[in-house]
Amino acid sequence: MIKPTLLDDDGTGIETYQTRLNTDIFVDYNISKGGVTGATITTLPLPKKPEDELRFICISAAVQSTIDKSNNLKQFESINAKKLSSLDPNGRNKFESKNYEHDYYSDSEKRIIQIDKNDE
């Protein structure tokens, strides 16, 4: 893992950081005084081999289970495998927990899992 880099501090109290977890998986996350409010996990380029897809599923599940305590690592691995394998024709799928919404997106170049805190 590469040390997180501050990407944005717009003065609103939310800072955006980015880190690279390996050569093709990046995580941007938003932090406020209350903790992490969201994250974007991106793999670029699109995984071509099953082991690349599995690595993305496992790494993203680790990030998700750290932010969203509603499911553990194994549960997120299972959720991710199902959601990514059943993307709708527009390349999208969703999972909603008690506190977070997880949006799955894929196109011809990349795969993304976006985690956002639900409005309270």
PDB file of N, CA and C in Angstrom:
ATOM      1  N   MET A   1       0.836  -1.177   0.000  1.00  0.00           N
ATOM      2  CA  MET A   1       0.000   0.000   0.000  1.00  0.00           C
ATOM      3  C   MET A   1       0.885   1.245   0.000  1.00  0.00           C
ATOM      4  N   ILE A   2       0.489   2.196  -0.767  1.00  0.00           N
ATOM      5  CA  ILE A   2       1.198   3.461  -0.843  1.00  0.00           C
ATOM      6  C   ILE A   2       0.533   4.448   0.108  1.00  0.00           C
ATOM      7  N   LYS A   3       1.340   5.273   0.765  1.00  0.00           N
ATOM      8  CA  LYS A   3       0.821   6.255   1.726  1.00  0.00           C
ATOM      9  C   LYS A   3      -0.282   7.096   1.085  1.00  0.00           C
ATOM     10  N   PRO A   4      -1.403   7.281   1.796  1.00  0.00           N
ATOM     11  CA  PRO A   4      -2.505   8.095   1.256  1.00  0.00           C
ATOM     12  C   PRO A   4      -2.065   9.518   0.921  1.00  0.00           C
ATOM     13  N   THR A   5      -2.604  10.037  -0.162  1.00  0.00           N
ATOM     14  CA  THR A   5      -2.330  11.386  -0.622  1.00  0.00           C
ATOM     15  C   THR A   5      -3.594  12.226  -0.495  1.00  0.00           C
ATOM     16  N   LEU A   6      -3.498  13.405   0.071  1.00  0.00           N
ATOM     17  CA  LEU A   6      -4.634  14.310   0.160  1.00  0.00           C
ATOM     18  C   LEU A   6      -4.929  14.847  -1.236  1.00  0.00           C
ATOM     19  N   LEU A   7      -6.140  14.574  -1.741  1.00  0.00           N
ATOM     20  CA  LEU A   7      -6.544  15.056  -3.055  1.00  0.00           C
ATOM     21  C   LEU A   7      -7.304  16.358  -2.979  1.00  0.00           C
ATOM     22  N   ASP A   8      -8.140  16.484  -1.934  1.00  0.00           N
ATOM     23  CA  ASP A   8      -9.014  17.645  -1.882  1.00  0.00           C
ATOM     24  C   ASP A   8      -9.354  17.994  -0.442  1.00  0.00           C
ATOM     25  N   ASP A   9      -9.242  19.248  -0.122  1.00  0.00           N
ATOM     26  CA  ASP A   9      -9.697  19.790   1.156  1.00  0.00           C
ATOM     27  C   ASP A   9     -10.348  21.116   0.817  1.00  0.00           C
ATOM     28  N   ASP A  10     -11.654  21.042   0.511  1.00  0.00           N
ATOM     29  CA  ASP A  10     -12.356  22.225  -0.001  1.00  0.00           C
ATOM     30  C   ASP A  10     -12.874  23.156   1.082  1.00  0.00           C
ATOM     31  N   GLY A  11     -12.486  22.913   2.330  1.00  0.00           N
ATOM     32  CA  GLY A  11     -12.906  23.795   3.407  1.00  0.00           C
ATOM     33  C   GLY A  11     -14.266  23.462   3.987  1.00  0.00           C
ATOM     34  N   THR A  12     -14.911  22.397   3.503  1.00  0.00           N
ATOM     35  CA  THR A  12     -16.228  22.017   4.011  1.00  0.00           C
ATOM     36  C   THR A  12     -16.144  21.062   5.192  1.00  0.00           C
ATOM     37  N   GLY A  13     -14.929  20.697   5.563  1.00  0.00           N
ATOM     38  CA  GLY A  13     -14.762  19.740   6.655  1.00  0.00           C
ATOM     39  C   GLY A  13     -14.638  18.314   6.162  1.00  0.00           C
ATOM     40  N   ILE A  14     -14.734  18.104   4.853  1.00  0.00           N
ATOM     41  CA  ILE A  14     -14.563  16.773   4.275  1.00  0.00           C
ATOM     42  C   ILE A  14     -13.286  16.782   3.434  1.00  0.00           C
ATOM     43  N   GLU A  15     -12.388  15.860   3.762  1.00  0.00           N
ATOM     44  CA  GLU A  15     -11.144  15.730   3.019  1.00  0.00           C
ATOM     45  C   GLU A  15     -11.198  14.453   2.191  1.00  0.00           C
ATOM     46  N   THR A  16     -10.645  14.490   0.973  1.00  0.00           N
ATOM     47  CA  THR A  16     -10.601  13.324   0.109  1.00  0.00           C
ATOM     48  C   THR A  16      -9.149  12.881  -0.040  1.00  0.00           C
ATOM     49  N   TYR A  17      -8.906  11.598   0.228  1.00  0.00           N
ATOM     50  CA  TYR A  17      -7.576  11.007   0.125  1.00  0.00           C
ATOM     51  C   TYR A  17      -7.596   9.893  -0.912  1.00  0.00           C
ATOM     52  N   GLN A  18      -6.432   9.587  -1.481  1.00  0.00           N
ATOM     53  CA  GLN A  18      -6.310   8.456  -2.397  1.00  0.00           C
ATOM     54  C   GLN A  18      -5.103   7.627  -1.998  1.00  0.00           C
ATOM     55  N   THR A  19      -5.260   6.314  -2.125  1.00  0.00           N
ATOM     56  CA  THR A  19      -4.144   5.407  -1.933  1.00  0.00           C
ATOM     57  C   THR A  19      -4.208   4.323  -2.990  1.00  0.00           C
ATOM     58  N   ARG A  20      -3.082   3.778  -3.327  1.00  0.00           N
ATOM     59  CA  ARG A  20      -2.998   2.673  -4.279  1.00  0.00           C
ATOM     60  C   ARG A  20      -2.711   1.422  -3.464  1.00  0.00           C
ATOM     61  N   LEU A  21      -3.581   0.410  -3.618  1.00  0.00           N
ATOM     62  CA  LEU A  21      -3.401  -0.813  -2.848  1.00  0.00           C
ATOM     63  C   LEU A  21      -2.521  -1.828  -3.571  1.00  0.00           C
ATOM     64  N   ASN A  22      -2.483  -1.766  -4.890  1.00  0.00           N
ATOM     65  CA  ASN A  22      -1.521  -2.507  -5.701  1.00  0.00           C
ATOM     66  C   ASN A  22      -1.452  -1.804  -7.055  1.00  0.00           C
ATOM     67  N   THR A  23      -0.898  -2.430  -8.061  1.00  0.00           N
ATOM     68  CA  THR A  23      -0.675  -1.724  -9.326  1.00  0.00           C
ATOM     69  C   THR A  23      -1.945  -1.312 -10.039  1.00  0.00           C
ATOM     70  N   ASP A  24      -3.075  -1.962  -9.748  1.00  0.00           N
ATOM     71  CA  ASP A  24      -4.295  -1.647 -10.490  1.00  0.00           C
ATOM     72  C   ASP A  24      -5.522  -1.369  -9.628  1.00  0.00           C
ATOM     73  N   ILE A  25      -5.376  -1.283  -8.318  1.00  0.00           N
ATOM     74  CA  ILE A  25      -6.518  -1.007  -7.444  1.00  0.00           C
ATOM     75  C   ILE A  25      -6.225   0.246  -6.614  1.00  0.00           C
ATOM     76  N   PHE A  26      -7.136   1.215  -6.730  1.00  0.00           N
ATOM     77  CA  PHE A  26      -7.021   2.510  -6.053  1.00  0.00           C
ATOM     78  C   PHE A  26      -8.226   2.710  -5.142  1.00  0.00           C
ATOM     79  N   VAL A  27      -8.017   3.404  -4.040  1.00  0.00           N
ATOM     80  CA  VAL A  27      -9.118   3.742  -3.145  1.00  0.00           C
ATOM     81  C   VAL A  27      -9.065   5.240  -2.855  1.00  0.00           C
ATOM     82  N   ASP A  28     -10.166   5.937  -3.156  1.00  0.00           N
ATOM     83  CA  ASP A  28     -10.368   7.320  -2.735  1.00  0.00           C
ATOM     84  C   ASP A  28     -11.349   7.260  -1.578  1.00  0.00           C
ATOM     85  N   TYR A  29     -11.076   7.967  -0.505  1.00  0.00           N
ATOM     86  CA  TYR A  29     -12.022   7.963   0.606  1.00  0.00           C
ATOM     87  C   TYR A  29     -12.170   9.362   1.171  1.00  0.00           C
ATOM     88  N   ASN A  30     -13.394   9.613   1.658  1.00  0.00           N
ATOM     89  CA  ASN A  30     -13.756  10.916   2.216  1.00  0.00           C
ATOM     90  C   ASN A  30     -13.815  10.799   3.727  1.00  0.00           C
ATOM     91  N   ILE A  31     -13.189  11.757   4.393  1.00  0.00           N
ATOM     92  CA  ILE A  31     -13.147  11.763   5.852  1.00  0.00           C
ATOM     93  C   ILE A  31     -13.660  13.097   6.358  1.00  0.00           C
ATOM     94  N   SER A  32     -14.534  13.032   7.358  1.00  0.00           N
ATOM     95  CA  SER A  32     -14.965  14.232   8.066  1.00  0.00           C
ATOM     96  C   SER A  32     -14.665  14.004   9.545  1.00  0.00           C
ATOM     97  N   LYS A  33     -15.059  14.928  10.375  1.00  0.00           N
ATOM     98  CA  LYS A  33     -14.799  14.777  11.813  1.00  0.00           C
ATOM     99  C   LYS A  33     -15.462  13.524  12.372  1.00  0.00           C
ATOM    100  N   GLY A  34     -16.541  13.092  11.748  1.00  0.00           N
ATOM    101  CA  GLY A  34     -17.255  11.909  12.216  1.00  0.00           C
ATOM    102  C   GLY A  34     -16.695  10.608  11.681  1.00  0.00           C
ATOM    103  N   GLY A  35     -15.624  10.657  10.910  1.00  0.00           N
ATOM    104  CA  GLY A  35     -15.020   9.442  10.355  1.00  0.00           C
ATOM    105  C   GLY A  35     -15.171   9.383   8.848  1.00  0.00           C
ATOM    106  N   VAL A  36     -15.051   8.180   8.309  1.00  0.00           N
ATOM    107  CA  VAL A  36     -15.132   7.980   6.862  1.00  0.00           C
ATOM    108  C   VAL A  36     -16.597   8.071   6.439  1.00  0.00           C
ATOM    109  N   THR A  37     -16.871   8.944   5.477  1.00  0.00           N
ATOM    110  CA  THR A  37     -18.244   9.118   4.989  1.00  0.00           C
ATOM    111  C   THR A  37     -18.481   8.427   3.652  1.00  0.00           C
ATOM    112  N   GLY A  38     -17.419   7.978   3.004  1.00  0.00           N
ATOM    113  CA  GLY A  38     -17.576   7.287   1.734  1.00  0.00           C
ATOM    114  C   GLY A  38     -16.236   6.898   1.158  1.00  0.00           C
ATOM    115  N   ALA A  39     -16.286   6.033   0.139  1.00  0.00           N
ATOM    116  CA  ALA A  39     -15.066   5.597  -0.532  1.00  0.00           C
ATOM    117  C   ALA A  39     -15.403   5.146  -1.942  1.00  0.00           C
ATOM    118  N   THR A  40     -14.405   5.231  -2.802  1.00  0.00           N
ATOM    119  CA  THR A  40     -14.521   4.720  -4.159  1.00  0.00           C
ATOM    120  C   THR A  40     -13.353   3.775  -4.388  1.00  0.00           C
ATOM    121  N   ILE A  41     -13.675   2.522  -4.696  1.00  0.00           N
ATOM    122  CA  ILE A  41     -12.655   1.512  -4.952  1.00  0.00           C
ATOM    123  C   ILE A  41     -12.676   1.255  -6.458  1.00  0.00           C
ATOM    124  N   THR A  42     -11.537   1.468  -7.112  1.00  0.00           N
ATOM    125  CA  THR A  42     -11.465   1.363  -8.565  1.00  0.00           C
ATOM    126  C   THR A  42     -10.379   0.385  -8.971  1.00  0.00           C
ATOM    127  N   THR A  43     -10.699  -0.473  -9.934  1.00  0.00           N
ATOM    128  CA  THR A  43      -9.664  -1.279 -10.563  1.00  0.00           C
ATOM    129  C   THR A  43      -9.569  -0.842 -12.021  1.00  0.00           C
ATOM    130  N   LEU A  44      -8.342  -0.535 -12.430  1.00  0.00           N
ATOM    131  CA  LEU A  44      -8.089  -0.026 -13.769  1.00  0.00           C
ATOM    132  C   LEU A  44      -6.758  -0.600 -14.232  1.00  0.00           C
ATOM    133  N   PRO A  45      -6.704  -1.362 -15.287  1.00  0.00           N
ATOM    134  CA  PRO A  45      -7.761  -1.678 -16.241  1.00  0.00           C
ATOM    135  C   PRO A  45      -8.733  -2.731 -15.686  1.00  0.00           C
ATOM    136  N   LEU A  46      -9.779  -2.977 -16.448  1.00  0.00           N
ATOM    137  CA  LEU A  46     -10.779  -3.980 -16.103  1.00  0.00           C
ATOM    138  C   LEU A  46     -10.092  -5.342 -15.929  1.00  0.00           C
ATOM    139  N   PRO A  47     -10.411  -6.076 -14.861  1.00  0.00           N
ATOM    140  CA  PRO A  47      -9.771  -7.378 -14.664  1.00  0.00           C
ATOM    141  C   PRO A  47     -10.027  -8.308 -15.864  1.00  0.00           C
ATOM    142  N   LYS A  48      -8.956  -8.944 -16.339  1.00  0.00           N
ATOM    143  CA  LYS A  48      -9.071  -9.840 -17.490  1.00  0.00           C
ATOM    144  C   LYS A  48      -9.015 -11.314 -17.082  1.00  0.00           C
ATOM    145  N   LYS A  49      -8.327 -11.607 -15.996  1.00  0.00           N
ATOM    146  CA  LYS A  49      -8.171 -12.986 -15.539  1.00  0.00           C
ATOM    147  C   LYS A  49      -8.991 -13.203 -14.270  1.00  0.00           C
ATOM    148  N   PRO A  50      -9.435 -14.426 -14.031  1.00  0.00           N
ATOM    149  CA  PRO A  50     -10.200 -14.717 -12.803  1.00  0.00           C
ATOM    150  C   PRO A  50      -9.456 -14.314 -11.527  1.00  0.00           C
ATOM    151  N   GLU A  51      -8.133 -14.494 -11.498  1.00  0.00           N
ATOM    152  CA  GLU A  51      -7.387 -14.136 -10.287  1.00  0.00           C
ATOM    153  C   GLU A  51      -7.354 -12.623 -10.061  1.00  0.00           C
ATOM    154  N   ASP A  52      -7.409 -11.847 -11.160  1.00  0.00           N
ATOM    155  CA  ASP A  52      -7.474 -10.382 -11.021  1.00  0.00           C
ATOM    156  C   ASP A  52      -8.840  -9.964 -10.471  1.00  0.00           C
ATOM    157  N   GLU A  53      -9.891 -10.610 -10.955  1.00  0.00           N
ATOM    158  CA  GLU A  53     -11.248 -10.338 -10.459  1.00  0.00           C
ATOM    159  C   GLU A  53     -11.361 -10.723  -8.987  1.00  0.00           C
ATOM    160  N   LEU A  54     -10.816 -11.870  -8.637  1.00  0.00           N
ATOM    161  CA  LEU A  54     -10.856 -12.330  -7.246  1.00  0.00           C
ATOM    162  C   LEU A  54     -10.095 -11.370  -6.339  1.00  0.00           C
ATOM    163  N   ARG A  55      -8.944 -10.876  -6.790  1.00  0.00           N
ATOM    164  CA  ARG A  55      -8.170  -9.906  -5.992  1.00  0.00           C
ATOM    165  C   ARG A  55      -8.987  -8.637  -5.751  1.00  0.00           C
ATOM    166  N   PHE A  56      -9.684  -8.147  -6.803  1.00  0.00           N
ATOM    167  CA  PHE A  56     -10.517  -6.955  -6.637  1.00  0.00           C
ATOM    168  C   PHE A  56     -11.657  -7.226  -5.658  1.00  0.00           C
ATOM    169  N   ILE A  57     -12.299  -8.380  -5.756  1.00  0.00           N
ATOM    170  CA  ILE A  57     -13.396  -8.735  -4.839  1.00  0.00           C
ATOM    171  C   ILE A  57     -12.889  -8.762  -3.395  1.00  0.00           C
ATOM    172  N   CYS A  58     -11.745  -9.378  -3.165  1.00  0.00           N
ATOM    173  CA  CYS A  58     -11.214  -9.507  -1.804  1.00  0.00           C
ATOM    174  C   CYS A  58     -10.741  -8.171  -1.230  1.00  0.00           C
ATOM    175  N   ILE A  59     -10.009  -7.400  -2.030  1.00  0.00           N
ATOM    176  CA  ILE A  59      -9.515  -6.109  -1.541  1.00  0.00           C
ATOM    177  C   ILE A  59     -10.671  -5.154  -1.289  1.00  0.00           C
ATOM    178  N   SER A  60     -11.643  -5.100  -2.202  1.00  0.00           N
ATOM    179  CA  SER A  60     -12.784  -4.201  -1.996  1.00  0.00           C
ATOM    180  C   SER A  60     -13.599  -4.631  -0.780  1.00  0.00           C
ATOM    181  N   ALA A  61     -13.742  -5.941  -0.556  1.00  0.00           N
ATOM    182  CA  ALA A  61     -14.465  -6.425   0.623  1.00  0.00           C
ATOM    183  C   ALA A  61     -13.758  -6.009   1.912  1.00  0.00           C
ATOM    184  N   ALA A  62     -12.425  -6.018   1.894  1.00  0.00           N
ATOM    185  CA  ALA A  62     -11.671  -5.588   3.077  1.00  0.00           C
ATOM    186  C   ALA A  62     -11.921  -4.106   3.362  1.00  0.00           C
ATOM    187  N   VAL A  63     -11.925  -3.291   2.315  1.00  0.00           N
ATOM    188  CA  VAL A  63     -12.208  -1.861   2.489  1.00  0.00           C
ATOM    189  C   VAL A  63     -13.640  -1.671   2.980  1.00  0.00           C
ATOM    190  N   GLN A  64     -14.589  -2.346   2.337  1.00  0.00           N
ATOM    191  CA  GLN A  64     -15.996  -2.198   2.719  1.00  0.00           C
ATOM    192  C   GLN A  64     -16.236  -2.612   4.170  1.00  0.00           C
ATOM    193  N   SER A  65     -15.681  -3.750   4.579  1.00  0.00           N
ATOM    194  CA  SER A  65     -15.935  -4.233   5.946  1.00  0.00           C
ATOM    195  C   SER A  65     -15.258  -3.352   6.993  1.00  0.00           C
ATOM    196  N   THR A  66     -14.234  -2.619   6.605  1.00  0.00           N
ATOM    197  CA  THR A  66     -13.594  -1.673   7.517  1.00  0.00           C
ATOM    198  C   THR A  66     -14.462  -0.437   7.720  1.00  0.00           C
ATOM    199  N   ILE A  67     -15.107   0.013   6.644  1.00  0.00           N
ATOM    200  CA  ILE A  67     -15.953   1.210   6.705  1.00  0.00           C
ATOM    201  C   ILE A  67     -17.350   0.889   7.218  1.00  0.00           C
ATOM    202  N   ASP A  68     -17.958  -0.145   6.667  1.00  0.00           N
ATOM    203  CA  ASP A  68     -19.347  -0.516   6.954  1.00  0.00           C
ATOM    204  C   ASP A  68     -19.358  -1.777   7.806  1.00  0.00           C
ATOM    205  N   LYS A  69     -19.608  -1.607   9.081  1.00  0.00           N
ATOM    206  CA  LYS A  69     -19.546  -2.724  10.031  1.00  0.00           C
ATOM    207  C   LYS A  69     -20.764  -3.645   9.981  1.00  0.00           C
ATOM    208  N   SER A  70     -21.710  -3.402   9.059  1.00  0.00           N
ATOM    209  CA  SER A  70     -22.925  -4.216   8.988  1.00  0.00           C
ATOM    210  C   SER A  70     -22.656  -5.638   8.499  1.00  0.00           C
ATOM    211  N   ASN A  71     -21.542  -5.837   7.791  1.00  0.00           N
ATOM    212  CA  ASN A  71     -21.165  -7.155   7.288  1.00  0.00           C
ATOM    213  C   ASN A  71     -19.675  -7.358   7.520  1.00  0.00           C
ATOM    214  N   ASN A  72     -19.285  -8.625   7.673  1.00  0.00           N
ATOM    215  CA  ASN A  72     -17.867  -8.906   7.858  1.00  0.00           C
ATOM    216  C   ASN A  72     -17.197  -9.143   6.504  1.00  0.00           C
ATOM    217  N   LEU A  73     -15.912  -9.394   6.525  1.00  0.00           N
ATOM    218  CA  LEU A  73     -15.127  -9.565   5.307  1.00  0.00           C
ATOM    219  C   LEU A  73     -15.708 -10.658   4.405  1.00  0.00           C
ATOM    220  N   LYS A  74     -15.978 -11.815   4.945  1.00  0.00           N
ATOM    221  CA  LYS A  74     -16.503 -12.948   4.147  1.00  0.00           C
ATOM    222  C   LYS A  74     -17.857 -12.606   3.552  1.00  0.00           C
ATOM    223  N   GLN A  75     -18.712 -11.924   4.312  1.00  0.00           N
ATOM    224  CA  GLN A  75     -20.026 -11.538   3.790  1.00  0.00           C
ATOM    225  C   GLN A  75     -19.889 -10.561   2.621  1.00  0.00           C
ATOM    226  N   PHE A  76     -18.999  -9.574   2.743  1.00  0.00           N
ATOM    227  CA  PHE A  76     -18.791  -8.635   1.636  1.00  0.00           C
ATOM    228  C   PHE A  76     -18.159  -9.325   0.428  1.00  0.00           C
ATOM    229  N   GLU A  77     -17.279 -10.295   0.653  1.00  0.00           N
ATOM    230  CA  GLU A  77     -16.726 -11.045  -0.485  1.00  0.00           C
ATOM    231  C   GLU A  77     -17.849 -11.729  -1.257  1.00  0.00           C
ATOM    232  N   SER A  78     -18.779 -12.336  -0.540  1.00  0.00           N
ATOM    233  CA  SER A  78     -19.915 -13.016  -1.175  1.00  0.00           C
ATOM    234  C   SER A  78     -20.836 -12.020  -1.881  1.00  0.00           C
ATOM    235  N   ILE A  79     -21.155 -10.917  -1.204  1.00  0.00           N
ATOM    236  CA  ILE A  79     -22.007  -9.875  -1.796  1.00  0.00           C
ATOM    237  C   ILE A  79     -21.358  -9.333  -3.067  1.00  0.00           C
ATOM    238  N   ASN A  80     -20.065  -9.021  -3.010  1.00  0.00           N
ATOM    239  CA  ASN A  80     -19.367  -8.462  -4.165  1.00  0.00           C
ATOM    240  C   ASN A  80     -19.367  -9.424  -5.339  1.00  0.00           C
ATOM    241  N   ALA A  81     -19.101 -10.691  -5.083  1.00  0.00           N
ATOM    242  CA  ALA A  81     -19.089 -11.682  -6.167  1.00  0.00           C
ATOM    243  C   ALA A  81     -20.457 -11.736  -6.849  1.00  0.00           C
ATOM    244  N   LYS A  82     -21.529 -11.733  -6.052  1.00  0.00           N
ATOM    245  CA  LYS A  82     -22.887 -11.774  -6.620  1.00  0.00           C
ATOM    246  C   LYS A  82     -23.225 -10.497  -7.374  1.00  0.00           C
ATOM    247  N   LYS A  83     -22.941  -9.344  -6.767  1.00  0.00           N
ATOM    248  CA  LYS A  83     -23.305  -8.066  -7.390  1.00  0.00           C
ATOM    249  C   LYS A  83     -22.499  -7.811  -8.668  1.00  0.00           C
ATOM    250  N   LEU A  84     -21.226  -8.135  -8.657  1.00  0.00           N
ATOM    251  CA  LEU A  84     -20.397  -7.898  -9.837  1.00  0.00           C
ATOM    252  C   LEU A  84     -20.717  -8.867 -10.965  1.00  0.00           C
ATOM    253  N   SER A  85     -21.141 -10.083 -10.620  1.00  0.00           N
ATOM    254  CA  SER A  85     -21.463 -11.061 -11.663  1.00  0.00           C
ATOM    255  C   SER A  85     -22.859 -10.855 -12.241  1.00  0.00           C
ATOM    256  N   SER A  86     -23.664 -10.031 -11.596  1.00  0.00           N
ATOM    257  CA  SER A  86     -25.035  -9.812 -12.080  1.00  0.00           C
ATOM    258  C   SER A  86     -25.323  -8.335 -12.339  1.00  0.00           C
ATOM    259  N   LEU A  87     -24.340  -7.625 -12.880  1.00  0.00           N
ATOM    260  CA  LEU A  87     -24.548  -6.216 -13.213  1.00  0.00           C
ATOM    261  C   LEU A  87     -25.649  -6.089 -14.262  1.00  0.00           C
ATOM    262  N   ASP A  88     -26.493  -5.059 -14.145  1.00  0.00           N
ATOM    263  CA  ASP A  88     -27.566  -4.851 -15.113  1.00  0.00           C
ATOM    264  C   ASP A  88     -26.976  -4.417 -16.463  1.00  0.00           C
ATOM    265  N   PRO A  89     -27.812  -4.319 -17.507  1.00  0.00           N
ATOM    266  CA  PRO A  89     -27.288  -3.968 -18.839  1.00  0.00           C
ATOM    267  C   PRO A  89     -26.523  -2.647 -18.883  1.00  0.00           C
ATOM    268  N   ASN A  90     -26.786  -1.749 -17.960  1.00  0.00           N
ATOM    269  CA  ASN A  90     -26.049  -0.484 -17.907  1.00  0.00           C
ATOM    270  C   ASN A  90     -24.760  -0.612 -17.111  1.00  0.00           C
ATOM    271  N   GLY A  91     -24.449  -1.818 -16.632  1.00  0.00           N
ATOM    272  CA  GLY A  91     -23.234  -2.027 -15.865  1.00  0.00           C
ATOM    273  C   GLY A  91     -23.328  -1.554 -14.435  1.00  0.00           C
ATOM    274  N   ARG A  92     -24.563  -1.591 -13.852  1.00  0.00           N
ATOM    275  CA  ARG A  92     -24.757  -1.101 -12.476  1.00  0.00           C
ATOM    276  C   ARG A  92     -25.494  -2.129 -11.621  1.00  0.00           C
ATOM    277  N   ASN A  93     -25.248  -2.040 -10.326  1.00  0.00           N
ATOM    278  CA  ASN A  93     -25.942  -2.853  -9.342  1.00  0.00           C
ATOM    279  C   ASN A  93     -25.777  -2.149  -8.003  1.00  0.00           C
ATOM    280  N   LYS A  94     -26.636  -2.474  -7.016  1.00  0.00           N
ATOM    281  CA  LYS A  94     -26.575  -1.809  -5.708  1.00  0.00           C
ATOM    282  C   LYS A  94     -26.770  -2.803  -4.579  1.00  0.00           C
ATOM    283  N   PHE A  95     -26.205  -2.432  -3.429  1.00  0.00           N
ATOM    284  CA  PHE A  95     -26.453  -3.120  -2.178  1.00  0.00           C
ATOM    285  C   PHE A  95     -26.588  -2.034  -1.123  1.00  0.00           C
ATOM    286  N   GLU A  96     -27.611  -2.146  -0.288  1.00  0.00           N
ATOM    287  CA  GLU A  96     -27.811  -1.146   0.753  1.00  0.00           C
ATOM    288  C   GLU A  96     -27.809  -1.817   2.119  1.00  0.00           C
ATOM    289  N   SER A  97     -26.951  -1.304   3.005  1.00  0.00           N
ATOM    290  CA  SER A  97     -26.925  -1.774   4.384  1.00  0.00           C
ATOM    291  C   SER A  97     -27.640  -0.744   5.248  1.00  0.00           C
ATOM    292  N   LYS A  98     -27.576  -0.912   6.542  1.00  0.00           N
ATOM    293  CA  LYS A  98     -28.245   0.017   7.446  1.00  0.00           C
ATOM    294  C   LYS A  98     -27.712   1.443   7.309  1.00  0.00           C
ATOM    295  N   ASN A  99     -26.388   1.582   7.171  1.00  0.00           N
ATOM    296  CA  ASN A  99     -25.780   2.911   7.176  1.00  0.00           C
ATOM    297  C   ASN A  99     -25.137   3.343   5.862  1.00  0.00           C
ATOM    298  N   TYR A 100     -24.953   2.420   4.920  1.00  0.00           N
ATOM    299  CA  TYR A 100     -24.236   2.745   3.687  1.00  0.00           C
ATOM    300  C   TYR A 100     -24.926   2.167   2.458  1.00  0.00           C
ATOM    301  N   GLU A 101     -24.724   2.851   1.343  1.00  0.00           N
ATOM    302  CA  GLU A 101     -25.152   2.345   0.037  1.00  0.00           C
ATOM    303  C   GLU A 101     -23.889   1.990  -0.745  1.00  0.00           C
ATOM    304  N   HIS A 102     -23.889   0.803  -1.329  1.00  0.00           N
ATOM    305  CA  HIS A 102     -22.753   0.312  -2.109  1.00  0.00           C
ATOM    306  C   HIS A 102     -23.222   0.219  -3.563  1.00  0.00           C
ATOM    307  N   ASP A 103     -22.624   1.021  -4.434  1.00  0.00           N
ATOM    308  CA  ASP A 103     -22.998   1.074  -5.844  1.00  0.00           C
ATOM    309  C   ASP A 103     -21.894   0.406  -6.660  1.00  0.00           C
ATOM    310  N   TYR A 104     -22.277  -0.579  -7.462  1.00  0.00           N
ATOM    311  CA  TYR A 104     -21.333  -1.330  -8.291  1.00  0.00           C
ATOM    312  C   TYR A 104     -21.472  -0.840  -9.722  1.00  0.00           C
ATOM    313  N   TYR A 105     -20.332  -0.562 -10.373  1.00  0.00           N
ATOM    314  CA  TYR A 105     -20.344  -0.009 -11.715  1.00  0.00           C
ATOM    315  C   TYR A 105     -19.188  -0.603 -12.516  1.00  0.00           C
ATOM    316  N   SER A 106     -19.438  -0.899 -13.782  1.00  0.00           N
ATOM    317  CA  SER A 106     -18.391  -1.402 -14.650  1.00  0.00           C
ATOM    318  C   SER A 106     -18.616  -0.883 -16.056  1.00  0.00           C
ATOM    319  N   ASP A 107     -17.518  -0.559 -16.738  1.00  0.00           N
ATOM    320  CA  ASP A 107     -17.591  -0.217 -18.155  1.00  0.00           C
ATOM    321  C   ASP A 107     -16.450  -0.940 -18.863  1.00  0.00           C
ATOM    322  N   SER A 108     -16.138  -0.553 -20.052  1.00  0.00           N
ATOM    323  CA  SER A 108     -15.122  -1.271 -20.825  1.00  0.00           C
ATOM    324  C   SER A 108     -13.697  -1.049 -20.315  1.00  0.00           C
ATOM    325  N   GLU A 109     -13.509  -0.087 -19.418  1.00  0.00           N
ATOM    326  CA  GLU A 109     -12.167   0.241 -18.949  1.00  0.00           C
ATOM    327  C   GLU A 109     -11.904  -0.071 -17.483  1.00  0.00           C
ATOM    328  N   LYS A 110     -12.936   0.055 -16.651  1.00  0.00           N
ATOM    329  CA  LYS A 110     -12.702  -0.038 -15.215  1.00  0.00           C
ATOM    330  C   LYS A 110     -13.902  -0.638 -14.489  1.00  0.00           C
ATOM    331  N   ARG A 111     -13.664  -1.011 -13.241  1.00  0.00           N
ATOM    332  CA  ARG A 111     -14.721  -1.490 -12.355  1.00  0.00           C
ATOM    333  C   ARG A 111     -14.628  -0.665 -11.087  1.00  0.00           C
ATOM    334  N   ILE A 112     -15.792  -0.231 -10.569  1.00  0.00           N
ATOM    335  CA  ILE A 112     -15.834   0.663  -9.402  1.00  0.00           C
ATOM    336  C   ILE A 112     -16.865   0.160  -8.394  1.00  0.00           C
ATOM    337  N   ILE A 113     -16.518   0.263  -7.128  1.00  0.00           N
ATOM    338  CA  ILE A 113     -17.495   0.105  -6.049  1.00  0.00           C
ATOM    339  C   ILE A 113     -17.469   1.419  -5.283  1.00  0.00           C
ATOM    340  N   GLN A 114     -18.614   2.098  -5.245  1.00  0.00           N
ATOM    341  CA  GLN A 114     -18.761   3.387  -4.563  1.00  0.00           C
ATOM    342  C   GLN A 114     -19.535   3.150  -3.271  1.00  0.00           C
ATOM    343  N   ILE A 115     -18.990   3.599  -2.157  1.00  0.00           N
ATOM    344  CA  ILE A 115     -19.634   3.458  -0.851  1.00  0.00           C
ATOM    345  C   ILE A 115     -19.977   4.849  -0.351  1.00  0.00           C
ATOM    346  N   ASP A 116     -21.261   5.065  -0.062  1.00  0.00           N
ATOM    347  CA  ASP A 116     -21.697   6.357   0.458  1.00  0.00           C
ATOM    348  C   ASP A 116     -22.541   6.146   1.701  1.00  0.00           C
ATOM    349  N   LYS A 117     -22.328   7.009   2.688  1.00  0.00           N
ATOM    350  CA  LYS A 117     -23.118   6.957   3.913  1.00  0.00           C
ATOM    351  C   LYS A 117     -24.543   7.377   3.594  1.00  0.00           C
ATOM    352  N   ASN A 118     -25.511   6.602   4.096  1.00  0.00           N
ATOM    353  CA  ASN A 118     -26.922   6.951   3.900  1.00  0.00           C
ATOM    354  C   ASN A 118     -27.233   8.241   4.620  1.00  0.00           C
ATOM    355  N   ASP A 119     -28.162   9.014   4.066  1.00  0.00           N
ATOM    356  CA  ASP A 119     -28.630  10.228   4.739  1.00  0.00           C
ATOM    357  C   ASP A 119     -29.365   9.819   5.989  1.00  0.00           C
ATOM    358  N   GLU A 120     -29.121  10.543   7.063  1.00  0.00           N
ATOM    359  CA  GLU A 120     -29.756  10.207   8.339  1.00  0.00           C
ATOM    360  C   GLU A 120     -30.961  11.046   8.609  1.00  0.00           C
TER     361      GLU A 120
END
